[in-house]
Amino acid sequence: MEIIDAQYLISSATHKQCPPPDKAEYAFIGRSNVGKSSLINMLTGKNNLARTSGKPGKTQLINHFEIISKNKQHWYLVDLPGYGYATVSQKARNNWSNMIESYIRLRENLGNLFVLIDSRHTPQKIDLLFINQLGEWQVPFVIVFTKADKNKDEITAENVDLFIKELKKTWEILPPYFITSAVKATGRKELLDYIGALNESFSKL
């Protein structure tokens, strides 16, 4: 799939304020500072579409982008606030958590959640807990390992393997996963092709 246009649409404080659910929608989420905005910019081919920041907690709302693919597919890409540590109050973190849960569980056209995991690190408890929660909610998702350029290939592969081994302790069927680098555009084609296939399924509903 090839993206020909990507435009910021709206930022919403609740799922009820989101655009009408008339298009397929794919949301990206991960621990704070996982490289989410950089990945979105890489996928869409627009360097400043999603705001990047070295400060955790930059994304605080549900951000919708309208995407047009070369084959005339129209869909929404959503940038969600990160979970985990951010330099904000506990009350703000609780508000984010409630907002994210409501969106994930109630947004009727959400076709898939892309959960970003920092490939530089060994498995983090907060990521595993979040993924297991998605299983309890029965939310479809895939895993996207980010920042693969920041380590040697063998270290990245080792960390990915360790994460998959941890998942096997609680999951009988593993979700699909991708290894990406926003700097080198690694995994871009694979992710866009996956979304393209999901769009085809959505259009047949």
N, C-alpha and C. Protein backbone atom coordinates (compact mmCIF):
# COMPACT_ATOMS: atom_id res chain seq x y z
N MET A 1 0.83 -1.19 0.00
CA MET A 1 0.00 0.00 0.00
C MET A 1 0.87 1.25 0.00
N GLU A 2 0.47 2.24 -0.75
CA GLU A 2 1.20 3.51 -0.83
C GLU A 2 0.29 4.65 -0.38
N ILE A 3 0.78 5.45 0.56
CA ILE A 3 0.02 6.60 1.05
C ILE A 3 0.30 7.80 0.16
N ILE A 4 -0.76 8.46 -0.31
CA ILE A 4 -0.59 9.63 -1.15
C ILE A 4 -0.92 10.93 -0.41
N ASP A 5 -1.65 10.83 0.70
CA ASP A 5 -1.95 12.03 1.48
C ASP A 5 -2.25 11.66 2.92
N ALA A 6 -1.82 12.51 3.83
CA ALA A 6 -2.08 12.31 5.26
C ALA A 6 -2.23 13.67 5.89
N GLN A 7 -3.36 13.89 6.55
CA GLN A 7 -3.65 15.19 7.13
C GLN A 7 -4.16 15.04 8.56
N TYR A 8 -3.69 15.95 9.43
CA TYR A 8 -4.23 16.00 10.79
C TYR A 8 -5.70 16.40 10.71
N LEU A 9 -6.54 15.73 11.51
CA LEU A 9 -7.97 16.00 11.46
C LEU A 9 -8.48 16.65 12.75
N ILE A 10 -8.29 15.98 13.89
CA ILE A 10 -8.86 16.49 15.13
C ILE A 10 -8.20 15.81 16.33
N SER A 11 -8.19 16.52 17.47
CA SER A 11 -7.76 15.95 18.75
C SER A 11 -8.96 15.91 19.68
N SER A 12 -9.17 14.78 20.33
CA SER A 12 -10.36 14.58 21.14
C SER A 12 -9.98 14.17 22.56
N ALA A 13 -10.76 14.67 23.52
CA ALA A 13 -10.52 14.35 24.92
C ALA A 13 -11.22 13.06 25.34
N THR A 14 -12.24 12.63 24.58
CA THR A 14 -12.95 11.38 24.85
C THR A 14 -13.29 10.70 23.53
N HIS A 15 -13.62 9.42 23.61
CA HIS A 15 -13.97 8.69 22.38
C HIS A 15 -15.26 9.23 21.76
N LYS A 16 -16.10 9.86 22.59
CA LYS A 16 -17.36 10.39 22.09
C LYS A 16 -17.16 11.61 21.18
N GLN A 17 -16.01 12.25 21.32
CA GLN A 17 -15.70 13.42 20.50
C GLN A 17 -14.98 13.07 19.20
N CYS A 18 -14.67 11.80 19.02
CA CYS A 18 -13.94 11.37 17.83
C CYS A 18 -14.81 11.52 16.58
N PRO A 19 -14.20 11.53 15.39
CA PRO A 19 -14.96 11.65 14.14
C PRO A 19 -15.96 10.50 13.98
N PRO A 20 -16.96 10.66 13.12
CA PRO A 20 -17.91 9.57 12.88
C PRO A 20 -17.18 8.29 12.49
N PRO A 21 -17.61 7.14 12.99
CA PRO A 21 -16.91 5.87 12.74
C PRO A 21 -17.23 5.29 11.36
N ASP A 22 -16.99 6.08 10.32
CA ASP A 22 -17.38 5.68 8.98
C ASP A 22 -16.23 5.17 8.13
N LYS A 23 -15.04 5.06 8.73
CA LYS A 23 -13.86 4.55 8.02
C LYS A 23 -13.12 3.58 8.93
N ALA A 24 -12.34 2.72 8.32
CA ALA A 24 -11.46 1.85 9.10
C ALA A 24 -10.49 2.72 9.90
N GLU A 25 -10.16 2.27 11.09
CA GLU A 25 -9.33 3.07 11.99
C GLU A 25 -8.28 2.19 12.66
N TYR A 26 -7.06 2.71 12.74
CA TYR A 26 -5.96 1.97 13.34
C TYR A 26 -5.22 2.89 14.29
N ALA A 27 -5.09 2.46 15.54
CA ALA A 27 -4.51 3.31 16.58
C ALA A 27 -3.14 2.79 16.99
N PHE A 28 -2.26 3.73 17.33
CA PHE A 28 -0.89 3.42 17.74
C PHE A 28 -0.70 3.86 19.19
N ILE A 29 -0.17 2.96 19.98
CA ILE A 29 0.00 3.23 21.41
C ILE A 29 1.27 2.54 21.89
N GLY A 30 1.85 3.07 22.96
CA GLY A 30 3.04 2.46 23.54
C GLY A 30 3.45 3.21 24.78
N ARG A 31 4.45 2.68 25.45
CA ARG A 31 4.97 3.35 26.62
C ARG A 31 5.48 4.74 26.22
N SER A 32 5.43 5.68 27.13
CA SER A 32 5.89 7.04 26.85
C SER A 32 7.31 7.03 26.27
N ASN A 33 7.51 7.82 25.22
CA ASN A 33 8.82 7.99 24.58
C ASN A 33 9.30 6.73 23.85
N VAL A 34 8.36 5.94 23.34
CA VAL A 34 8.71 4.70 22.63
C VAL A 34 9.05 4.96 21.16
N GLY A 35 8.81 6.19 20.70
CA GLY A 35 9.07 6.50 19.29
C GLY A 35 7.83 6.46 18.43
N LYS A 36 6.68 6.67 19.06
CA LYS A 36 5.40 6.54 18.36
C LYS A 36 5.23 7.59 17.27
N SER A 37 5.47 8.85 17.61
CA SER A 37 5.31 9.92 16.63
C SER A 37 6.27 9.76 15.46
N SER A 38 7.49 9.36 15.76
CA SER A 38 8.48 9.15 14.69
C SER A 38 8.04 8.03 13.76
N LEU A 39 7.46 6.98 14.32
CA LEU A 39 6.99 5.86 13.50
C LEU A 39 5.83 6.31 12.60
N ILE A 40 4.89 7.08 13.17
CA ILE A 40 3.75 7.57 12.38
C ILE A 40 4.24 8.45 11.24
N ASN A 41 5.20 9.33 11.52
CA ASN A 41 5.75 10.19 10.48
C ASN A 41 6.44 9.37 9.39
N MET A 42 7.15 8.33 9.80
CA MET A 42 7.82 7.46 8.83
C MET A 42 6.81 6.74 7.95
N LEU A 43 5.75 6.22 8.54
CA LEU A 43 4.75 5.47 7.78
C LEU A 43 4.04 6.36 6.76
N THR A 44 3.72 7.59 7.17
CA THR A 44 2.97 8.48 6.30
C THR A 44 3.84 9.27 5.34
N GLY A 45 5.15 9.27 5.58
CA GLY A 45 6.05 10.01 4.72
C GLY A 45 6.03 11.50 4.96
N LYS A 46 5.52 11.93 6.13
CA LYS A 46 5.47 13.34 6.49
C LYS A 46 6.22 13.54 7.80
N ASN A 47 7.32 14.27 7.73
CA ASN A 47 8.21 14.38 8.88
C ASN A 47 7.61 15.06 10.10
N ASN A 48 6.65 15.94 9.88
CA ASN A 48 6.10 16.71 11.00
C ASN A 48 4.61 16.48 11.20
N LEU A 49 4.09 15.36 10.71
CA LEU A 49 2.66 15.10 10.87
C LEU A 49 2.30 14.92 12.34
N ALA A 50 3.00 14.02 13.01
CA ALA A 50 2.82 13.82 14.45
C ALA A 50 3.98 14.50 15.16
N ARG A 51 3.69 15.21 16.23
CA ARG A 51 4.72 15.94 16.95
C ARG A 51 5.60 15.01 17.75
N THR A 52 6.91 15.16 17.59
CA THR A 52 7.86 14.36 18.35
C THR A 52 8.45 15.19 19.48
N SER A 53 8.84 14.50 20.53
CA SER A 53 9.40 15.19 21.69
C SER A 53 10.25 14.23 22.49
N GLY A 54 11.34 14.75 23.06
CA GLY A 54 12.15 13.94 23.96
C GLY A 54 11.56 13.88 25.36
N LYS A 55 10.51 14.64 25.57
CA LYS A 55 9.86 14.69 26.89
C LYS A 55 8.66 13.76 26.92
N PRO A 56 8.65 12.75 27.79
CA PRO A 56 7.52 11.83 27.87
C PRO A 56 6.22 12.56 28.17
N GLY A 57 5.12 12.07 27.60
CA GLY A 57 3.82 12.64 27.88
C GLY A 57 3.41 13.75 26.93
N LYS A 58 4.10 13.87 25.79
CA LYS A 58 3.77 14.94 24.83
C LYS A 58 2.35 14.77 24.29
N THR A 59 1.99 13.54 23.91
CA THR A 59 0.65 13.29 23.39
C THR A 59 -0.32 13.13 24.55
N GLN A 60 -1.35 13.98 24.60
CA GLN A 60 -2.28 13.95 25.73
C GLN A 60 -3.72 13.76 25.30
N LEU A 61 -3.98 13.73 23.99
CA LEU A 61 -5.33 13.57 23.48
C LEU A 61 -5.36 12.46 22.44
N ILE A 62 -6.57 12.11 22.00
CA ILE A 62 -6.75 11.13 20.93
C ILE A 62 -6.64 11.90 19.61
N ASN A 63 -5.53 11.71 18.90
CA ASN A 63 -5.26 12.49 17.69
C ASN A 63 -5.58 11.68 16.44
N HIS A 64 -6.52 12.20 15.65
CA HIS A 64 -6.93 11.54 14.41
C HIS A 64 -6.25 12.17 13.19
N PHE A 65 -5.78 11.31 12.30
CA PHE A 65 -5.25 11.73 11.02
C PHE A 65 -6.03 11.00 9.92
N GLU A 66 -6.39 11.72 8.88
CA GLU A 66 -7.09 11.10 7.76
C GLU A 66 -6.06 10.72 6.69
N ILE A 67 -6.10 9.47 6.28
CA ILE A 67 -5.12 8.93 5.33
C ILE A 67 -5.81 8.53 4.03
N ILE A 68 -5.17 8.85 2.93
CA ILE A 68 -5.65 8.41 1.61
C ILE A 68 -4.55 7.59 0.95
N SER A 69 -4.89 6.39 0.57
CA SER A 69 -3.94 5.50 -0.10
C SER A 69 -4.08 5.60 -1.60
N LYS A 70 -3.06 5.14 -2.31
CA LYS A 70 -3.04 5.23 -3.77
C LYS A 70 -4.21 4.51 -4.41
N ASN A 71 -4.67 3.44 -3.78
CA ASN A 71 -5.80 2.68 -4.32
C ASN A 71 -7.14 3.26 -3.88
N LYS A 72 -7.12 4.53 -3.42
CA LYS A 72 -8.32 5.27 -3.02
C LYS A 72 -8.92 4.80 -1.70
N GLN A 73 -8.15 4.05 -0.92
CA GLN A 73 -8.62 3.69 0.41
C GLN A 73 -8.52 4.93 1.32
N HIS A 74 -9.58 5.22 2.03
CA HIS A 74 -9.59 6.31 3.02
C HIS A 74 -9.71 5.68 4.40
N TRP A 75 -8.83 6.06 5.31
CA TRP A 75 -8.87 5.48 6.65
C TRP A 75 -8.30 6.46 7.67
N TYR A 76 -8.53 6.13 8.94
CA TYR A 76 -8.03 6.96 10.02
C TYR A 76 -6.83 6.29 10.69
N LEU A 77 -5.81 7.10 10.95
CA LEU A 77 -4.69 6.69 11.79
C LEU A 77 -4.81 7.50 13.07
N VAL A 78 -4.65 6.83 14.22
CA VAL A 78 -4.86 7.49 15.51
C VAL A 78 -3.60 7.38 16.37
N ASP A 79 -3.19 8.52 16.88
CA ASP A 79 -2.05 8.61 17.80
C ASP A 79 -2.61 8.75 19.21
N LEU A 80 -2.42 7.72 20.03
CA LEU A 80 -2.94 7.72 21.40
C LEU A 80 -1.87 8.13 22.41
N PRO A 81 -2.27 8.68 23.54
CA PRO A 81 -1.29 8.99 24.60
C PRO A 81 -0.54 7.73 25.04
N GLY A 82 0.71 7.92 25.43
CA GLY A 82 1.49 6.79 25.91
C GLY A 82 1.05 6.37 27.30
N TYR A 83 1.31 5.12 27.64
CA TYR A 83 1.03 4.65 28.99
C TYR A 83 2.35 4.58 29.75
N GLY A 84 2.25 4.58 31.06
CA GLY A 84 3.46 4.51 31.86
C GLY A 84 3.92 5.89 32.31
N TYR A 85 5.19 6.01 32.55
CA TYR A 85 5.74 7.22 33.15
C TYR A 85 5.62 8.43 32.22
N ALA A 86 5.21 9.54 32.79
CA ALA A 86 5.26 10.84 32.12
C ALA A 86 5.34 11.90 33.20
N THR A 87 5.92 13.05 32.87
CA THR A 87 6.13 14.09 33.87
C THR A 87 4.86 14.91 34.06
N VAL A 88 3.81 14.22 34.49
CA VAL A 88 2.53 14.87 34.79
C VAL A 88 2.02 14.30 36.11
N SER A 89 0.96 14.89 36.62
CA SER A 89 0.42 14.46 37.91
C SER A 89 -0.23 13.08 37.81
N GLN A 90 -0.41 12.46 38.99
CA GLN A 90 -1.10 11.16 39.04
C GLN A 90 -2.53 11.30 38.54
N LYS A 91 -3.17 12.42 38.84
CA LYS A 91 -4.54 12.63 38.38
C LYS A 91 -4.59 12.66 36.85
N ALA A 92 -3.63 13.33 36.23
CA ALA A 92 -3.59 13.39 34.77
C ALA A 92 -3.35 12.00 34.18
N ARG A 93 -2.48 11.22 34.80
CA ARG A 93 -2.22 9.87 34.31
C ARG A 93 -3.47 9.01 34.42
N ASN A 94 -4.22 9.17 35.51
CA ASN A 94 -5.47 8.42 35.66
C ASN A 94 -6.48 8.81 34.60
N ASN A 95 -6.55 10.10 34.31
CA ASN A 95 -7.46 10.58 33.26
C ASN A 95 -7.09 9.99 31.91
N TRP A 96 -5.80 9.96 31.62
CA TRP A 96 -5.34 9.37 30.36
C TRP A 96 -5.72 7.90 30.29
N SER A 97 -5.50 7.20 31.41
CA SER A 97 -5.79 5.76 31.44
C SER A 97 -7.27 5.50 31.15
N ASN A 98 -8.14 6.28 31.78
CA ASN A 98 -9.58 6.12 31.54
C ASN A 98 -9.96 6.45 30.11
N MET A 99 -9.34 7.50 29.57
CA MET A 99 -9.61 7.90 28.19
C MET A 99 -9.17 6.82 27.21
N ILE A 100 -7.99 6.28 27.43
CA ILE A 100 -7.47 5.24 26.54
C ILE A 100 -8.33 3.98 26.60
N GLU A 101 -8.69 3.55 27.82
CA GLU A 101 -9.50 2.35 27.95
C GLU A 101 -10.86 2.53 27.27
N SER A 102 -11.50 3.65 27.48
CA SER A 102 -12.80 3.90 26.86
C SER A 102 -12.69 3.88 25.34
N TYR A 103 -11.66 4.53 24.82
CA TYR A 103 -11.47 4.55 23.37
C TYR A 103 -11.26 3.13 22.83
N ILE A 104 -10.33 2.40 23.43
CA ILE A 104 -9.98 1.07 22.93
C ILE A 104 -11.18 0.13 22.97
N ARG A 105 -11.96 0.20 24.04
CA ARG A 105 -13.06 -0.76 24.23
C ARG A 105 -14.35 -0.34 23.54
N LEU A 106 -14.54 0.95 23.27
CA LEU A 106 -15.83 1.41 22.77
C LEU A 106 -15.80 1.97 21.35
N ARG A 107 -14.64 2.24 20.81
CA ARG A 107 -14.58 2.80 19.46
C ARG A 107 -14.92 1.70 18.45
N GLU A 108 -16.08 1.79 17.85
CA GLU A 108 -16.64 0.68 17.08
C GLU A 108 -15.92 0.38 15.77
N ASN A 109 -15.24 1.35 15.18
CA ASN A 109 -14.55 1.11 13.90
C ASN A 109 -13.06 0.89 14.06
N LEU A 110 -12.60 0.69 15.31
CA LEU A 110 -11.18 0.42 15.54
C LEU A 110 -10.86 -0.98 15.01
N GLY A 111 -10.12 -1.02 13.92
CA GLY A 111 -9.83 -2.29 13.28
C GLY A 111 -8.65 -3.03 13.89
N ASN A 112 -7.71 -2.27 14.45
CA ASN A 112 -6.54 -2.91 15.03
C ASN A 112 -5.76 -1.89 15.86
N LEU A 113 -5.16 -2.39 16.93
CA LEU A 113 -4.30 -1.57 17.77
C LEU A 113 -2.86 -1.99 17.54
N PHE A 114 -2.00 -1.02 17.27
CA PHE A 114 -0.58 -1.28 17.07
C PHE A 114 0.15 -0.90 18.36
N VAL A 115 0.63 -1.91 19.08
CA VAL A 115 1.29 -1.70 20.36
C VAL A 115 2.79 -1.61 20.15
N LEU A 116 3.37 -0.46 20.45
CA LEU A 116 4.78 -0.23 20.20
C LEU A 116 5.62 -0.63 21.41
N ILE A 117 6.69 -1.37 21.14
CA ILE A 117 7.61 -1.84 22.17
C ILE A 117 9.02 -1.40 21.79
N ASP A 118 9.74 -0.81 22.72
CA ASP A 118 11.11 -0.35 22.47
C ASP A 118 12.05 -1.54 22.39
N SER A 119 12.60 -1.80 21.22
CA SER A 119 13.43 -2.99 21.02
C SER A 119 14.80 -2.87 21.68
N ARG A 120 15.13 -1.72 22.22
CA ARG A 120 16.44 -1.55 22.88
C ARG A 120 16.49 -2.23 24.24
N HIS A 121 15.31 -2.57 24.77
CA HIS A 121 15.25 -3.06 26.15
C HIS A 121 14.76 -4.51 26.23
N THR A 122 15.13 -5.15 27.29
CA THR A 122 14.57 -6.46 27.60
C THR A 122 13.10 -6.25 28.01
N PRO A 123 12.30 -7.32 28.08
CA PRO A 123 10.86 -7.16 28.35
C PRO A 123 10.57 -6.34 29.60
N GLN A 124 9.67 -5.36 29.44
CA GLN A 124 9.27 -4.49 30.54
C GLN A 124 7.90 -4.94 31.05
N LYS A 125 7.76 -4.99 32.37
CA LYS A 125 6.53 -5.47 32.99
C LYS A 125 5.31 -4.68 32.53
N ILE A 126 5.45 -3.36 32.40
CA ILE A 126 4.30 -2.53 32.05
C ILE A 126 3.77 -2.86 30.65
N ASP A 127 4.67 -3.20 29.73
CA ASP A 127 4.24 -3.58 28.38
C ASP A 127 3.50 -4.91 28.40
N LEU A 128 4.03 -5.87 29.14
CA LEU A 128 3.40 -7.19 29.22
C LEU A 128 2.03 -7.10 29.89
N LEU A 129 1.92 -6.27 30.94
CA LEU A 129 0.63 -6.10 31.61
C LEU A 129 -0.40 -5.48 30.66
N PHE A 130 0.03 -4.49 29.89
CA PHE A 130 -0.89 -3.84 28.96
C PHE A 130 -1.37 -4.81 27.89
N ILE A 131 -0.46 -5.61 27.35
CA ILE A 131 -0.84 -6.57 26.31
C ILE A 131 -1.77 -7.63 26.87
N ASN A 132 -1.51 -8.09 28.08
CA ASN A 132 -2.40 -9.08 28.69
C ASN A 132 -3.79 -8.49 28.95
N GLN A 133 -3.83 -7.19 29.25
CA GLN A 133 -5.11 -6.52 29.44
C GLN A 133 -5.90 -6.48 28.13
N LEU A 134 -5.20 -6.26 27.03
CA LEU A 134 -5.87 -6.28 25.72
C LEU A 134 -6.48 -7.64 25.44
N GLY A 135 -5.79 -8.68 25.89
CA GLY A 135 -6.34 -10.02 25.72
C GLY A 135 -7.64 -10.19 26.49
N GLU A 136 -7.68 -9.67 27.71
CA GLU A 136 -8.90 -9.76 28.51
C GLU A 136 -10.03 -8.96 27.88
N TRP A 137 -9.68 -7.85 27.24
CA TRP A 137 -10.69 -7.02 26.57
C TRP A 137 -11.05 -7.54 25.18
N GLN A 138 -10.28 -8.52 24.71
CA GLN A 138 -10.49 -9.11 23.37
C GLN A 138 -10.37 -8.06 22.27
N VAL A 139 -9.34 -7.26 22.38
CA VAL A 139 -9.05 -6.22 21.39
C VAL A 139 -8.00 -6.73 20.41
N PRO A 140 -8.25 -6.69 19.10
CA PRO A 140 -7.25 -7.14 18.13
C PRO A 140 -6.05 -6.20 18.10
N PHE A 141 -4.85 -6.77 18.10
CA PHE A 141 -3.65 -5.94 18.11
C PHE A 141 -2.48 -6.67 17.48
N VAL A 142 -1.47 -5.90 17.11
CA VAL A 142 -0.19 -6.44 16.70
C VAL A 142 0.89 -5.70 17.49
N ILE A 143 2.08 -6.24 17.51
CA ILE A 143 3.19 -5.63 18.22
C ILE A 143 4.16 -5.03 17.22
N VAL A 144 4.62 -3.82 17.51
CA VAL A 144 5.60 -3.15 16.65
C VAL A 144 6.82 -2.81 17.50
N PHE A 145 7.92 -3.50 17.24
CA PHE A 145 9.16 -3.20 17.94
C PHE A 145 9.83 -2.02 17.26
N THR A 146 10.12 -0.98 18.03
CA THR A 146 10.66 0.27 17.48
C THR A 146 12.16 0.41 17.75
N LYS A 147 12.76 1.41 17.09
CA LYS A 147 14.14 1.83 17.33
C LYS A 147 15.15 0.72 17.09
N ALA A 148 14.91 -0.09 16.07
CA ALA A 148 15.81 -1.20 15.78
C ALA A 148 17.20 -0.72 15.36
N ASP A 149 17.30 0.54 14.93
CA ASP A 149 18.60 1.08 14.51
C ASP A 149 19.48 1.47 15.69
N LYS A 150 18.92 1.50 16.89
CA LYS A 150 19.66 1.97 18.05
C LYS A 150 20.54 0.90 18.68
N ASN A 151 20.37 -0.35 18.28
CA ASN A 151 21.16 -1.46 18.79
C ASN A 151 21.78 -2.23 17.64
N LYS A 152 22.74 -3.05 17.95
CA LYS A 152 23.23 -4.00 16.96
C LYS A 152 22.11 -4.99 16.65
N ASP A 153 22.10 -5.50 15.44
CA ASP A 153 21.02 -6.40 15.01
C ASP A 153 20.85 -7.58 15.95
N GLU A 154 21.96 -8.13 16.43
CA GLU A 154 21.85 -9.31 17.28
C GLU A 154 21.22 -8.98 18.64
N ILE A 155 21.46 -7.76 19.13
CA ILE A 155 20.85 -7.34 20.40
C ILE A 155 19.35 -7.14 20.22
N THR A 156 18.99 -6.50 19.11
CA THR A 156 17.56 -6.32 18.81
C THR A 156 16.86 -7.67 18.72
N ALA A 157 17.46 -8.59 17.98
CA ALA A 157 16.87 -9.92 17.82
C ALA A 157 16.74 -10.63 19.16
N GLU A 158 17.74 -10.48 20.01
CA GLU A 158 17.70 -11.12 21.33
C GLU A 158 16.57 -10.55 22.18
N ASN A 159 16.41 -9.22 22.17
CA ASN A 159 15.35 -8.59 22.96
C ASN A 159 13.96 -8.96 22.45
N VAL A 160 13.82 -9.02 21.14
CA VAL A 160 12.54 -9.44 20.55
C VAL A 160 12.23 -10.87 20.95
N ASP A 161 13.23 -11.73 20.87
CA ASP A 161 13.04 -13.14 21.22
C ASP A 161 12.65 -13.29 22.69
N LEU A 162 13.27 -12.51 23.57
CA LEU A 162 12.94 -12.56 24.99
C LEU A 162 11.49 -12.12 25.23
N PHE A 163 11.07 -11.10 24.49
CA PHE A 163 9.70 -10.60 24.66
C PHE A 163 8.69 -11.65 24.20
N ILE A 164 8.97 -12.27 23.08
CA ILE A 164 8.06 -13.31 22.56
C ILE A 164 8.00 -14.49 23.53
N LYS A 165 9.13 -14.84 24.12
CA LYS A 165 9.14 -15.93 25.10
C LYS A 165 8.28 -15.59 26.31
N GLU A 166 8.31 -14.32 26.74
CA GLU A 166 7.47 -13.90 27.86
C GLU A 166 5.99 -14.00 27.49
N LEU A 167 5.65 -13.62 26.27
CA LEU A 167 4.26 -13.70 25.83
C LEU A 167 3.77 -15.15 25.81
N LYS A 168 4.63 -16.04 25.44
CA LYS A 168 4.24 -17.45 25.35
C LYS A 168 3.81 -18.03 26.70
N LYS A 169 4.18 -17.36 27.78
CA LYS A 169 3.79 -17.82 29.11
C LYS A 169 2.29 -17.62 29.36
N THR A 170 1.69 -16.66 28.64
CA THR A 170 0.29 -16.35 28.87
C THR A 170 -0.57 -16.42 27.62
N TRP A 171 0.04 -16.56 26.45
CA TRP A 171 -0.70 -16.57 25.19
C TRP A 171 -0.49 -17.88 24.44
N GLU A 172 -1.59 -18.52 24.06
CA GLU A 172 -1.49 -19.74 23.25
C GLU A 172 -1.19 -19.40 21.80
N ILE A 173 -1.85 -18.36 21.29
CA ILE A 173 -1.62 -17.91 19.92
C ILE A 173 -1.00 -16.52 19.98
N LEU A 174 0.19 -16.36 19.43
CA LEU A 174 0.89 -15.09 19.51
C LEU A 174 0.37 -14.10 18.46
N PRO A 175 0.34 -12.82 18.80
CA PRO A 175 -0.07 -11.80 17.82
C PRO A 175 1.03 -11.61 16.78
N PRO A 176 0.69 -11.11 15.60
CA PRO A 176 1.74 -10.76 14.63
C PRO A 176 2.66 -9.69 15.23
N TYR A 177 3.90 -9.64 14.74
CA TYR A 177 4.79 -8.57 15.20
C TYR A 177 5.70 -8.12 14.07
N PHE A 178 6.14 -6.86 14.19
CA PHE A 178 7.00 -6.24 13.18
C PHE A 178 8.18 -5.57 13.88
N ILE A 179 9.31 -5.55 13.20
CA ILE A 179 10.50 -4.86 13.71
C ILE A 179 10.73 -3.63 12.84
N THR A 180 10.83 -2.45 13.47
CA THR A 180 10.87 -1.21 12.70
C THR A 180 12.00 -0.28 13.15
N SER A 181 12.32 0.62 12.26
CA SER A 181 13.21 1.74 12.56
C SER A 181 12.69 2.95 11.80
N ALA A 182 12.33 4.00 12.52
CA ALA A 182 11.86 5.23 11.87
C ALA A 182 12.99 5.89 11.09
N VAL A 183 14.22 5.72 11.55
CA VAL A 183 15.38 6.34 10.90
C VAL A 183 15.67 5.67 9.55
N LYS A 184 15.62 4.35 9.52
CA LYS A 184 15.96 3.61 8.30
C LYS A 184 14.74 3.15 7.51
N ALA A 185 13.54 3.48 8.00
CA ALA A 185 12.28 3.07 7.37
C ALA A 185 12.13 1.54 7.34
N THR A 186 12.80 0.87 8.24
CA THR A 186 12.67 -0.58 8.35
C THR A 186 11.25 -0.94 8.77
N GLY A 187 10.65 -1.89 8.08
CA GLY A 187 9.31 -2.36 8.42
C GLY A 187 8.19 -1.53 7.84
N ARG A 188 8.51 -0.46 7.14
CA ARG A 188 7.46 0.44 6.62
C ARG A 188 6.54 -0.29 5.64
N LYS A 189 7.12 -0.95 4.66
CA LYS A 189 6.32 -1.64 3.65
C LYS A 189 5.47 -2.73 4.30
N GLU A 190 6.06 -3.48 5.22
CA GLU A 190 5.34 -4.59 5.85
C GLU A 190 4.14 -4.09 6.65
N LEU A 191 4.33 -2.99 7.39
CA LEU A 191 3.22 -2.44 8.18
C LEU A 191 2.11 -1.89 7.28
N LEU A 192 2.50 -1.15 6.24
CA LEU A 192 1.49 -0.57 5.35
C LEU A 192 0.75 -1.66 4.58
N ASP A 193 1.45 -2.70 4.18
CA ASP A 193 0.77 -3.80 3.49
C ASP A 193 -0.22 -4.50 4.43
N TYR A 194 0.17 -4.61 5.70
CA TYR A 194 -0.72 -5.23 6.69
C TYR A 194 -1.98 -4.39 6.86
N ILE A 195 -1.81 -3.08 6.97
CA ILE A 195 -2.96 -2.19 7.09
C ILE A 195 -3.82 -2.25 5.83
N GLY A 196 -3.17 -2.31 4.67
CA GLY A 196 -3.91 -2.41 3.42
C GLY A 196 -4.80 -3.64 3.38
N ALA A 197 -4.28 -4.76 3.88
CA ALA A 197 -5.08 -5.99 3.92
C ALA A 197 -6.24 -5.85 4.90
N LEU A 198 -6.01 -5.17 6.02
CA LEU A 198 -7.10 -4.94 6.98
C LEU A 198 -8.16 -4.04 6.36
N ASN A 199 -7.73 -3.05 5.58
CA ASN A 199 -8.69 -2.17 4.91
C ASN A 199 -9.58 -2.95 3.96
N GLU A 200 -9.00 -3.89 3.25
CA GLU A 200 -9.78 -4.72 2.33
C GLU A 200 -10.85 -5.50 3.10
N SER A 201 -10.49 -6.02 4.26
CA SER A 201 -11.46 -6.76 5.06
C SER A 201 -12.55 -5.84 5.58
N PHE A 202 -12.17 -4.63 5.98
CA PHE A 202 -13.14 -3.66 6.52
C PHE A 202 -14.15 -3.27 5.46
N SER A 203 -13.68 -3.09 4.21
CA SER A 203 -14.56 -2.65 3.13
C SER A 203 -15.60 -3.70 2.75
N LYS A 204 -15.35 -4.97 3.14
CA LYS A 204 -16.28 -6.05 2.81
C LYS A 204 -17.35 -6.25 3.87
N LEU A 205 -17.20 -5.52 5.00
CA LEU A 205 -18.18 -5.68 6.09
C LEU A 205 -19.51 -5.01 5.73
